[in-house]
């Protein structure tokens, strides 16, 4: 087993949507990582589809970014919480 080139374990939607949501909030990977209590490398792994957030982190992602898990996973369109009626 090689750790240098791990295979994707998350959907492509998750990584792309997480990146879009983070950028829409004008946050760097480092800033988001600090808010979530994880490393910048962990956020990078999520965005590249190499890892997935754990259940505790999903709750924090919703608080930090304002998107639901379904939206970030691509099951629903990205709609920020503050623009919902």
Protein backbone atom coordinates (compact mmCIF):
# COMPACT_ATOMS: atom_id res chain seq x y z
CA UNK A 1 0.00 0.00 0.00
CA UNK A 2 1.40 3.35 -1.01
CA UNK A 3 0.65 6.50 0.91
CA UNK A 4 2.28 8.75 -1.66
CA UNK A 5 -0.52 8.49 -4.22
CA UNK A 6 -3.67 7.54 -2.34
CA UNK A 7 -6.75 6.79 -4.40
CA UNK A 8 -9.78 9.07 -4.14
CA UNK A 9 -12.30 7.99 -1.48
CA UNK A 10 -14.73 10.90 -1.75
CA UNK A 11 -16.88 12.01 -4.64
CA UNK A 12 -15.53 14.62 -7.02
CA UNK A 13 -18.57 16.73 -6.13
CA UNK A 14 -17.52 16.95 -2.50
CA UNK A 15 -14.05 18.27 -3.24
CA UNK A 16 -15.17 20.76 -5.87
CA UNK A 17 -18.15 21.97 -3.83
CA UNK A 18 -16.12 22.28 -0.66
CA UNK A 19 -13.57 24.39 -2.54
CA UNK A 20 -16.31 26.59 -4.06
CA UNK A 21 -18.02 27.05 -0.69
CA UNK A 22 -14.73 27.91 1.03
CA UNK A 23 -13.80 30.42 -1.67
CA UNK A 24 -17.30 31.95 -1.61
CA UNK A 25 -16.73 32.63 2.09
CA UNK A 26 -13.34 34.21 1.25
CA UNK A 27 -11.47 31.70 3.40
CA UNK A 28 -8.15 30.06 2.75
CA UNK A 29 -7.62 26.38 3.45
CA UNK A 30 -5.54 27.43 6.44
CA UNK A 31 -8.23 29.72 7.86
CA UNK A 32 -10.92 27.06 7.47
CA UNK A 33 -8.65 24.44 9.00
CA UNK A 34 -8.06 26.63 12.05
CA UNK A 35 -11.81 27.14 12.53
CA UNK A 36 -12.42 23.40 12.27
CA UNK A 37 -9.49 22.35 14.44
CA UNK A 38 -7.83 20.34 11.67
CA UNK A 39 -4.67 20.82 9.61
CA UNK A 40 -4.53 22.67 6.29
CA UNK A 41 -3.41 19.38 4.76
CA UNK A 42 -6.66 17.76 5.90
CA UNK A 43 -8.72 20.42 4.13
CA UNK A 44 -6.59 19.90 1.04
CA UNK A 45 -7.20 16.13 1.18
CA UNK A 46 -10.98 16.76 1.33
CA UNK A 47 -10.84 19.11 -1.64
CA UNK A 48 -8.75 16.62 -3.63
CA UNK A 49 -11.16 13.80 -2.78
CA UNK A 50 -8.58 11.80 -0.86
CA UNK A 51 -10.40 11.90 2.47
CA UNK A 52 -13.85 12.76 3.83
CA UNK A 53 -14.79 14.85 6.86
CA UNK A 54 -15.97 12.93 9.93
CA UNK A 55 -19.44 13.46 11.41
CA UNK A 56 -18.31 16.07 13.94
CA UNK A 57 -16.60 18.03 11.21
CA UNK A 58 -19.72 18.06 9.01
CA UNK A 59 -21.53 20.01 11.72
CA UNK A 60 -18.66 22.48 11.96
CA UNK A 61 -18.46 22.83 8.17
CA UNK A 62 -22.13 23.82 8.10
CA UNK A 63 -21.48 26.45 10.78
CA UNK A 64 -18.32 27.79 9.13
CA UNK A 65 -19.41 27.75 5.48
CA UNK A 66 -23.21 27.89 5.65
CA UNK A 67 -23.88 24.91 3.38
CA UNK A 68 -25.52 21.59 4.20
CA UNK A 69 -23.83 18.23 3.88
CA UNK A 70 -26.13 17.35 0.96
CA UNK A 71 -25.09 20.52 -0.86
CA UNK A 72 -21.40 19.89 -0.31
CA UNK A 73 -21.74 16.27 -1.43
CA UNK A 74 -23.51 17.37 -4.61
CA UNK A 75 -26.97 16.00 -3.81
CA UNK A 76 -28.45 19.52 -3.79
CA UNK A 77 -27.45 22.84 -5.38
CA UNK A 78 -25.12 25.07 -3.37
CA UNK A 79 -27.31 27.71 -1.74
CA UNK A 80 -25.78 29.71 1.16
CA UNK A 81 -27.85 29.59 4.36
CA UNK A 82 -27.99 33.39 4.55
CA UNK A 83 -29.72 33.66 1.17
CA UNK A 84 -32.48 31.13 1.87
CA UNK A 85 -36.03 32.29 2.44
